[in-house]
């Protein structure tokens, strides 16, 4: 996440907020992203739409990998990185 547009106290506060959110193990990943997006002014509904669009794209990754000639064994090695 690029926080270069922020300065001074705002930037410091934002960085502390994000670090604290990622340290809390009891917050699920999706909920965590929604909370972070809300902090930066994105509505929960809009965030969920964006997340769904990303998930739809990620679910097609094996087709893309195959189209580039990536072997089945390499695809299996990468599968964990694309788990949604």
PDB file of N, CA and C in Angstrom:
ATOM      1  N   UNK A   1       0.843  -1.162   0.000  1.00  0.00           N
ATOM      2  CA  UNK A   1       0.000   0.000   0.000  1.00  0.00           C
ATOM      3  C   UNK A   1       0.890   1.228   0.000  1.00  0.00           C
ATOM      4  N   UNK A   2       0.617   2.164  -0.890  1.00  0.00           N
ATOM      5  CA  UNK A   2       1.436   3.357  -1.020  1.00  0.00           C
ATOM      6  C   UNK A   2       0.882   4.460  -0.129  1.00  0.00           C
ATOM      7  N   UNK A   3       1.630   4.816   0.882  1.00  0.00           N
ATOM      8  CA  UNK A   3       1.210   5.886   1.783  1.00  0.00           C
ATOM      9  C   UNK A   3       1.997   7.162   1.531  1.00  0.00           C
ATOM     10  N   UNK A   4       2.628   7.280   0.368  1.00  0.00           N
ATOM     11  CA  UNK A   4       3.480   8.428   0.070  1.00  0.00           C
ATOM     12  C   UNK A   4       2.696   9.730  -0.029  1.00  0.00           C
ATOM     13  N   UNK A   5       1.376   9.655  -0.274  1.00  0.00           N
ATOM     14  CA  UNK A   5       0.587  10.881  -0.368  1.00  0.00           C
ATOM     15  C   UNK A   5       0.295  11.472   1.012  1.00  0.00           C
ATOM     16  N   UNK A   6       0.511  10.692   2.045  1.00  0.00           N
ATOM     17  CA  UNK A   6       0.283  11.162   3.406  1.00  0.00           C
ATOM     18  C   UNK A   6       1.552  11.791   3.951  1.00  0.00           C
ATOM     19  N   UNK A   7       1.380  12.657   4.926  1.00  0.00           N
ATOM     20  CA  UNK A   7       2.568  13.277   5.515  1.00  0.00           C
ATOM     21  C   UNK A   7       2.387  13.434   7.017  1.00  0.00           C
ATOM     22  N   UNK A   8       3.499  13.608   7.698  1.00  0.00           N
ATOM     23  CA  UNK A   8       3.512  13.916   9.122  1.00  0.00           C
ATOM     24  C   UNK A   8       2.719  12.959   9.976  1.00  0.00           C
ATOM     25  N   UNK A   9       1.910  13.551  10.879  1.00  0.00           N
ATOM     26  CA  UNK A   9       1.136  12.767  11.841  1.00  0.00           C
ATOM     27  C   UNK A   9       0.140  11.825  11.164  1.00  0.00           C
ATOM     28  N   UNK A  10      -0.451  12.263  10.065  1.00  0.00           N
ATOM     29  CA  UNK A  10      -1.425  11.425   9.360  1.00  0.00           C
ATOM     30  C   UNK A  10      -0.770  10.148   8.866  1.00  0.00           C
ATOM     31  N   UNK A  11       0.401  10.282   8.266  1.00  0.00           N
ATOM     32  CA  UNK A  11       1.112   9.113   7.753  1.00  0.00           C
ATOM     33  C   UNK A  11       1.510   8.193   8.903  1.00  0.00           C
ATOM     34  N   UNK A  12       2.045   8.767   9.966  1.00  0.00           N
ATOM     35  CA  UNK A  12       2.473   7.965  11.119  1.00  0.00           C
ATOM     36  C   UNK A  12       1.283   7.229  11.735  1.00  0.00           C
ATOM     37  N   UNK A  13       0.162   7.925  11.887  1.00  0.00           N
ATOM     38  CA  UNK A  13      -1.038   7.309  12.458  1.00  0.00           C
ATOM     39  C   UNK A  13      -1.533   6.174  11.561  1.00  0.00           C
ATOM     40  N   UNK A  14      -1.540   6.400  10.247  1.00  0.00           N
ATOM     41  CA  UNK A  14      -2.013   5.383   9.306  1.00  0.00           C
ATOM     42  C   UNK A  14      -1.148   4.137   9.345  1.00  0.00           C
ATOM     43  N   UNK A  15       0.154   4.326   9.402  1.00  0.00           N
ATOM     44  CA  UNK A  15       1.073   3.189   9.460  1.00  0.00           C
ATOM     45  C   UNK A  15       0.860   2.403  10.750  1.00  0.00           C
ATOM     46  N   UNK A  16       0.707   3.100  11.886  1.00  0.00           N
ATOM     47  CA  UNK A  16       0.453   2.417  13.161  1.00  0.00           C
ATOM     48  C   UNK A  16      -0.868   1.646  13.101  1.00  0.00           C
ATOM     49  N   UNK A  17      -1.888   2.255  12.512  1.00  0.00           N
ATOM     50  CA  UNK A  17      -3.195   1.608  12.390  1.00  0.00           C
ATOM     51  C   UNK A  17      -3.077   0.307  11.603  1.00  0.00           C
ATOM     52  N   UNK A  18      -2.398   0.368  10.462  1.00  0.00           N
ATOM     53  CA  UNK A  18      -2.248  -0.819   9.622  1.00  0.00           C
ATOM     54  C   UNK A  18      -1.451  -1.906  10.324  1.00  0.00           C
ATOM     55  N   UNK A  19      -0.375  -1.526  10.992  1.00  0.00           N
ATOM     56  CA  UNK A  19       0.444  -2.512  11.704  1.00  0.00           C
ATOM     57  C   UNK A  19      -0.377  -3.203  12.783  1.00  0.00           C
ATOM     58  N   UNK A  20      -1.181  -2.448  13.521  1.00  0.00           N
ATOM     59  CA  UNK A  20      -2.006  -3.035  14.572  1.00  0.00           C
ATOM     60  C   UNK A  20      -3.060  -3.974  13.994  1.00  0.00           C
ATOM     61  N   UNK A  21      -3.642  -3.627  12.864  1.00  0.00           N
ATOM     62  CA  UNK A  21      -4.656  -4.473  12.248  1.00  0.00           C
ATOM     63  C   UNK A  21      -4.068  -5.811  11.822  1.00  0.00           C
ATOM     64  N   UNK A  22      -2.854  -5.780  11.278  1.00  0.00           N
ATOM     65  CA  UNK A  22      -2.247  -7.021  10.815  1.00  0.00           C
ATOM     66  C   UNK A  22      -1.706  -7.860  11.965  1.00  0.00           C
ATOM     67  N   UNK A  23      -1.471  -7.275  13.127  1.00  0.00           N
ATOM     68  CA  UNK A  23      -0.977  -8.029  14.284  1.00  0.00           C
ATOM     69  C   UNK A  23      -2.092  -8.817  14.956  1.00  0.00           C
ATOM     70  N   UNK A  24      -3.322  -8.347  14.845  1.00  0.00           N
ATOM     71  CA  UNK A  24      -4.441  -9.003  15.520  1.00  0.00           C
ATOM     72  C   UNK A  24      -4.786 -10.303  14.810  1.00  0.00           C
ATOM     73  N   UNK A  25      -4.493 -11.410  15.447  1.00  0.00           N
ATOM     74  CA  UNK A  25      -4.729 -12.709  14.841  1.00  0.00           C
ATOM     75  C   UNK A  25      -6.184 -13.121  14.813  1.00  0.00           C
ATOM     76  N   UNK A  26      -7.028 -12.470  15.585  1.00  0.00           N
ATOM     77  CA  UNK A  26      -8.424 -12.876  15.660  1.00  0.00           C
ATOM     78  C   UNK A  26      -9.289 -12.236  14.573  1.00  0.00           C
ATOM     79  N   UNK A  27      -8.716 -11.365  13.762  1.00  0.00           N
ATOM     80  CA  UNK A  27      -9.476 -10.734  12.690  1.00  0.00           C
ATOM     81  C   UNK A  27      -9.207 -11.504  11.407  1.00  0.00           C
ATOM     82  N   UNK A  28     -10.259 -12.020  10.806  1.00  0.00           N
ATOM     83  CA  UNK A  28     -10.097 -12.778   9.558  1.00  0.00           C
ATOM     84  C   UNK A  28      -9.593 -11.869   8.454  1.00  0.00           C
ATOM     85  N   UNK A  29      -8.916 -12.460   7.469  1.00  0.00           N
ATOM     86  CA  UNK A  29      -8.269 -11.701   6.406  1.00  0.00           C
ATOM     87  C   UNK A  29      -9.244 -10.790   5.662  1.00  0.00           C
ATOM     88  N   UNK A  30     -10.389 -11.312   5.251  1.00  0.00           N
ATOM     89  CA  UNK A  30     -11.352 -10.515   4.499  1.00  0.00           C
ATOM     90  C   UNK A  30     -11.892  -9.367   5.339  1.00  0.00           C
ATOM     91  N   UNK A  31     -12.284  -9.653   6.563  1.00  0.00           N
ATOM     92  CA  UNK A  31     -12.783  -8.613   7.457  1.00  0.00           C
ATOM     93  C   UNK A  31     -11.718  -7.553   7.688  1.00  0.00           C
ATOM     94  N   UNK A  32     -10.481  -7.995   7.803  1.00  0.00           N
ATOM     95  CA  UNK A  32      -9.369  -7.084   8.007  1.00  0.00           C
ATOM     96  C   UNK A  32      -9.257  -6.113   6.831  1.00  0.00           C
ATOM     97  N   UNK A  33      -9.352  -6.630   5.611  1.00  0.00           N
ATOM     98  CA  UNK A  33      -9.276  -5.775   4.432  1.00  0.00           C
ATOM     99  C   UNK A  33     -10.426  -4.784   4.383  1.00  0.00           C
ATOM    100  N   UNK A  34     -11.612  -5.219   4.755  1.00  0.00           N
ATOM    101  CA  UNK A  34     -12.773  -4.331   4.750  1.00  0.00           C
ATOM    102  C   UNK A  34     -12.582  -3.220   5.775  1.00  0.00           C
ATOM    103  N   UNK A  35     -12.098  -3.556   6.955  1.00  0.00           N
ATOM    104  CA  UNK A  35     -11.869  -2.547   7.983  1.00  0.00           C
ATOM    105  C   UNK A  35     -10.811  -1.540   7.550  1.00  0.00           C
ATOM    106  N   UNK A  36      -9.762  -2.021   6.925  1.00  0.00           N
ATOM    107  CA  UNK A  36      -8.707  -1.123   6.460  1.00  0.00           C
ATOM    108  C   UNK A  36      -9.246  -0.203   5.366  1.00  0.00           C
ATOM    109  N   UNK A  37     -10.026  -0.748   4.451  1.00  0.00           N
ATOM    110  CA  UNK A  37     -10.600   0.063   3.375  1.00  0.00           C
ATOM    111  C   UNK A  37     -11.533   1.131   3.944  1.00  0.00           C
ATOM    112  N   UNK A  38     -12.339   0.762   4.937  1.00  0.00           N
ATOM    113  CA  UNK A  38     -13.234   1.726   5.576  1.00  0.00           C
ATOM    114  C   UNK A  38     -12.438   2.842   6.239  1.00  0.00           C
ATOM    115  N   UNK A  39     -11.321   2.500   6.837  1.00  0.00           N
ATOM    116  CA  UNK A  39     -10.468   3.499   7.480  1.00  0.00           C
ATOM    117  C   UNK A  39     -10.026   4.549   6.470  1.00  0.00           C
ATOM    118  N   UNK A  40      -9.786   4.123   5.229  1.00  0.00           N
ATOM    119  CA  UNK A  40      -9.332   5.040   4.192  1.00  0.00           C
ATOM    120  C   UNK A  40     -10.481   5.616   3.364  1.00  0.00           C
ATOM    121  N   UNK A  41     -11.727   5.423   3.839  1.00  0.00           N
ATOM    122  CA  UNK A  41     -12.870   6.086   3.233  1.00  0.00           C
ATOM    123  C   UNK A  41     -13.639   5.291   2.192  1.00  0.00           C
ATOM    124  N   UNK A  42     -13.281   4.043   1.978  1.00  0.00           N
ATOM    125  CA  UNK A  42     -14.012   3.208   1.027  1.00  0.00           C
ATOM    126  C   UNK A  42     -15.176   2.552   1.764  1.00  0.00           C
ATOM    127  N   UNK A  43     -16.343   2.577   1.164  1.00  0.00           N
ATOM    128  CA  UNK A  43     -17.512   1.973   1.796  1.00  0.00           C
ATOM    129  C   UNK A  43     -17.386   0.453   1.790  1.00  0.00           C
ATOM    130  N   UNK A  44     -17.936  -0.173   2.817  1.00  0.00           N
ATOM    131  CA  UNK A  44     -17.880  -1.630   2.957  1.00  0.00           C
ATOM    132  C   UNK A  44     -18.465  -2.327   1.731  1.00  0.00           C
ATOM    133  N   UNK A  45     -19.577  -1.826   1.231  1.00  0.00           N
ATOM    134  CA  UNK A  45     -20.231  -2.411   0.057  1.00  0.00           C
ATOM    135  C   UNK A  45     -19.294  -2.364  -1.155  1.00  0.00           C
ATOM    136  N   UNK A  46     -18.650  -1.219  -1.376  1.00  0.00           N
ATOM    137  CA  UNK A  46     -17.725  -1.076  -2.507  1.00  0.00           C
ATOM    138  C   UNK A  46     -16.516  -1.987  -2.345  1.00  0.00           C
ATOM    139  N   UNK A  47     -16.029  -2.098  -1.122  1.00  0.00           N
ATOM    140  CA  UNK A  47     -14.875  -2.956  -0.854  1.00  0.00           C
ATOM    141  C   UNK A  47     -15.209  -4.410  -1.171  1.00  0.00           C
ATOM    142  N   UNK A  48     -16.383  -4.858  -0.767  1.00  0.00           N
ATOM    143  CA  UNK A  48     -16.789  -6.239  -1.042  1.00  0.00           C
ATOM    144  C   UNK A  48     -16.893  -6.496  -2.543  1.00  0.00           C
ATOM    145  N   UNK A  49     -17.379  -5.515  -3.299  1.00  0.00           N
ATOM    146  CA  UNK A  49     -17.468  -5.657  -4.757  1.00  0.00           C
ATOM    147  C   UNK A  49     -16.072  -5.803  -5.351  1.00  0.00           C
ATOM    148  N   UNK A  50     -15.147  -4.971  -4.907  1.00  0.00           N
ATOM    149  CA  UNK A  50     -13.764  -5.030  -5.396  1.00  0.00           C
ATOM    150  C   UNK A  50     -13.136  -6.374  -5.052  1.00  0.00           C
ATOM    151  N   UNK A  51     -13.322  -6.823  -3.820  1.00  0.00           N
ATOM    152  CA  UNK A  51     -12.761  -8.109  -3.391  1.00  0.00           C
ATOM    153  C   UNK A  51     -13.338  -9.246  -4.235  1.00  0.00           C
ATOM    154  N   UNK A  52     -14.650  -9.202  -4.503  1.00  0.00           N
ATOM    155  CA  UNK A  52     -15.269 -10.242  -5.339  1.00  0.00           C
ATOM    156  C   UNK A  52     -14.692 -10.243  -6.754  1.00  0.00           C
ATOM    157  N   UNK A  53     -14.450  -9.052  -7.311  1.00  0.00           N
ATOM    158  CA  UNK A  53     -13.854  -8.963  -8.650  1.00  0.00           C
ATOM    159  C   UNK A  53     -12.449  -9.562  -8.662  1.00  0.00           C
ATOM    160  N   UNK A  54     -11.688  -9.281  -7.626  1.00  0.00           N
ATOM    161  CA  UNK A  54     -10.329  -9.827  -7.527  1.00  0.00           C
ATOM    162  C   UNK A  54     -10.386 -11.345  -7.385  1.00  0.00           C
ATOM    163  N   UNK A  55     -11.299 -11.833  -6.535  1.00  0.00           N
ATOM    164  CA  UNK A  55     -11.435 -13.281  -6.348  1.00  0.00           C
ATOM    165  C   UNK A  55     -11.804 -13.971  -7.658  1.00  0.00           C
ATOM    166  N   UNK A  56     -12.716 -13.364  -8.424  1.00  0.00           N
ATOM    167  CA  UNK A  56     -13.107 -13.944  -9.716  1.00  0.00           C
ATOM    168  C   UNK A  56     -11.910 -14.040 -10.654  1.00  0.00           C
ATOM    169  N   UNK A  57     -11.088 -13.004 -10.663  1.00  0.00           N
ATOM    170  CA  UNK A  57      -9.890 -13.012 -11.519  1.00  0.00           C
ATOM    171  C   UNK A  57      -8.892 -14.063 -11.068  1.00  0.00           C
ATOM    172  N   UNK A  58      -8.681 -14.152  -9.769  1.00  0.00           N
ATOM    173  CA  UNK A  58      -7.706 -15.100  -9.226  1.00  0.00           C
ATOM    174  C   UNK A  58      -8.137 -16.539  -9.494  1.00  0.00           C
ATOM    175  N   UNK A  59      -9.432 -16.800  -9.453  1.00  0.00           N
ATOM    176  CA  UNK A  59      -9.912 -18.165  -9.660  1.00  0.00           C
ATOM    177  C   UNK A  59      -9.599 -18.689 -11.058  1.00  0.00           C
ATOM    178  N   UNK A  60      -9.271 -17.807 -11.984  1.00  0.00           N
ATOM    179  CA  UNK A  60      -8.948 -18.208 -13.357  1.00  0.00           C
ATOM    180  C   UNK A  60      -7.444 -18.373 -13.571  1.00  0.00           C
ATOM    181  N   UNK A  61      -6.667 -18.299 -12.506  1.00  0.00           N
ATOM    182  CA  UNK A  61      -5.211 -18.275 -12.661  1.00  0.00           C
ATOM    183  C   UNK A  61      -4.658 -19.542 -13.295  1.00  0.00           C
ATOM    184  N   UNK A  62      -5.260 -20.699 -13.028  1.00  0.00           N
ATOM    185  CA  UNK A  62      -4.716 -21.933 -13.615  1.00  0.00           C
ATOM    186  C   UNK A  62      -4.863 -21.939 -15.138  1.00  0.00           C
ATOM    187  N   UNK A  63      -5.973 -21.398 -15.635  1.00  0.00           N
ATOM    188  CA  UNK A  63      -6.153 -21.302 -17.088  1.00  0.00           C
ATOM    189  C   UNK A  63      -5.086 -20.398 -17.705  1.00  0.00           C
ATOM    190  N   UNK A  64      -4.808 -19.291 -17.035  1.00  0.00           N
ATOM    191  CA  UNK A  64      -3.779 -18.362 -17.519  1.00  0.00           C
ATOM    192  C   UNK A  64      -2.410 -19.039 -17.495  1.00  0.00           C
ATOM    193  N   UNK A  65      -2.112 -19.730 -16.402  1.00  0.00           N
ATOM    194  CA  UNK A  65      -0.820 -20.423 -16.288  1.00  0.00           C
ATOM    195  C   UNK A  65      -0.659 -21.457 -17.401  1.00  0.00           C
ATOM    196  N   UNK A  66      -1.705 -22.227 -17.650  1.00  0.00           N
ATOM    197  CA  UNK A  66      -1.660 -23.237 -18.721  1.00  0.00           C
ATOM    198  C   UNK A  66      -1.454 -22.583 -20.085  1.00  0.00           C
ATOM    199  N   UNK A  67      -2.097 -21.430 -20.293  1.00  0.00           N
ATOM    200  CA  UNK A  67      -1.964 -20.750 -21.588  1.00  0.00           C
ATOM    201  C   UNK A  67      -0.539 -20.256 -21.830  1.00  0.00           C
ATOM    202  N   UNK A  68       0.229 -20.082 -20.755  1.00  0.00           N
ATOM    203  CA  UNK A  68       1.633 -19.686 -20.870  1.00  0.00           C
ATOM    204  C   UNK A  68       2.570 -20.891 -20.883  1.00  0.00           C
ATOM    205  N   UNK A  69       1.986 -22.089 -20.883  1.00  0.00           N
ATOM    206  CA  UNK A  69       2.792 -23.297 -20.978  1.00  0.00           C
ATOM    207  C   UNK A  69       3.456 -23.729 -19.686  1.00  0.00           C
ATOM    208  N   UNK A  70       2.941 -23.265 -18.564  1.00  0.00           N
ATOM    209  CA  UNK A  70       3.502 -23.658 -17.270  1.00  0.00           C
ATOM    210  C   UNK A  70       3.083 -25.099 -16.978  1.00  0.00           C
ATOM    211  N   UNK A  71       4.032 -25.891 -16.540  1.00  0.00           N
ATOM    212  CA  UNK A  71       3.775 -27.315 -16.311  1.00  0.00           C
ATOM    213  C   UNK A  71       2.812 -27.534 -15.147  1.00  0.00           C
ATOM    214  N   UNK A  72       2.172 -28.696 -15.170  1.00  0.00           N
ATOM    215  CA  UNK A  72       1.226 -29.053 -14.109  1.00  0.00           C
ATOM    216  C   UNK A  72       1.910 -29.053 -12.739  1.00  0.00           C
ATOM    217  N   UNK A  73       3.147 -29.560 -12.671  1.00  0.00           N
ATOM    218  CA  UNK A  73       3.852 -29.611 -11.383  1.00  0.00           C
ATOM    219  C   UNK A  73       4.142 -28.204 -10.853  1.00  0.00           C
ATOM    220  N   UNK A  74       4.493 -27.278 -11.740  1.00  0.00           N
ATOM    221  CA  UNK A  74       4.741 -25.889 -11.312  1.00  0.00           C
ATOM    222  C   UNK A  74       3.442 -25.224 -10.864  1.00  0.00           C
ATOM    223  N   UNK A  75       2.357 -25.532 -11.575  1.00  0.00           N
ATOM    224  CA  UNK A  75       1.054 -24.993 -11.182  1.00  0.00           C
ATOM    225  C   UNK A  75       0.693 -25.478  -9.785  1.00  0.00           C
ATOM    226  N   UNK A  76       0.934 -26.751  -9.501  1.00  0.00           N
ATOM    227  CA  UNK A  76       0.646 -27.295  -8.170  1.00  0.00           C
ATOM    228  C   UNK A  76       1.497 -26.617  -7.097  1.00  0.00           C
ATOM    229  N   UNK A  77       2.751 -26.315  -7.420  1.00  0.00           N
ATOM    230  CA  UNK A  77       3.625 -25.615  -6.469  1.00  0.00           C
ATOM    231  C   UNK A  77       3.088 -24.225  -6.145  1.00  0.00           C
ATOM    232  N   UNK A  78       2.483 -23.577  -7.131  1.00  0.00           N
ATOM    233  CA  UNK A  78       1.994 -22.204  -6.955  1.00  0.00           C
ATOM    234  C   UNK A  78       0.585 -22.134  -6.376  1.00  0.00           C
ATOM    235  N   UNK A  79      -0.121 -23.248  -6.364  1.00  0.00           N
ATOM    236  CA  UNK A  79      -1.539 -23.252  -5.981  1.00  0.00           C
ATOM    237  C   UNK A  79      -1.805 -22.557  -4.638  1.00  0.00           C
ATOM    238  N   UNK A  80      -0.971 -22.769  -3.651  1.00  0.00           N
ATOM    239  CA  UNK A  80      -1.181 -22.181  -2.318  1.00  0.00           C
ATOM    240  C   UNK A  80      -1.200 -20.652  -2.359  1.00  0.00           C
ATOM    241  N   UNK A  81      -0.434 -20.073  -3.269  1.00  0.00           N
ATOM    242  CA  UNK A  81      -0.364 -18.611  -3.367  1.00  0.00           C
ATOM    243  C   UNK A  81      -1.654 -18.007  -3.910  1.00  0.00           C
ATOM    244  N   UNK A  82      -2.442 -18.811  -4.606  1.00  0.00           N
ATOM    245  CA  UNK A  82      -3.659 -18.305  -5.235  1.00  0.00           C
ATOM    246  C   UNK A  82      -4.930 -18.819  -4.571  1.00  0.00           C
ATOM    247  N   UNK A  83      -4.794 -19.403  -3.391  1.00  0.00           N
ATOM    248  CA  UNK A  83      -5.955 -19.939  -2.679  1.00  0.00           C
ATOM    249  C   UNK A  83      -6.847 -18.783  -2.223  1.00  0.00           C
ATOM    250  N   UNK A  84      -8.124 -18.873  -2.574  1.00  0.00           N
ATOM    251  CA  UNK A  84      -9.074 -17.830  -2.157  1.00  0.00           C
ATOM    252  C   UNK A  84     -10.193 -18.415  -1.333  1.00  0.00           C
TER     253      UNK A  84
END
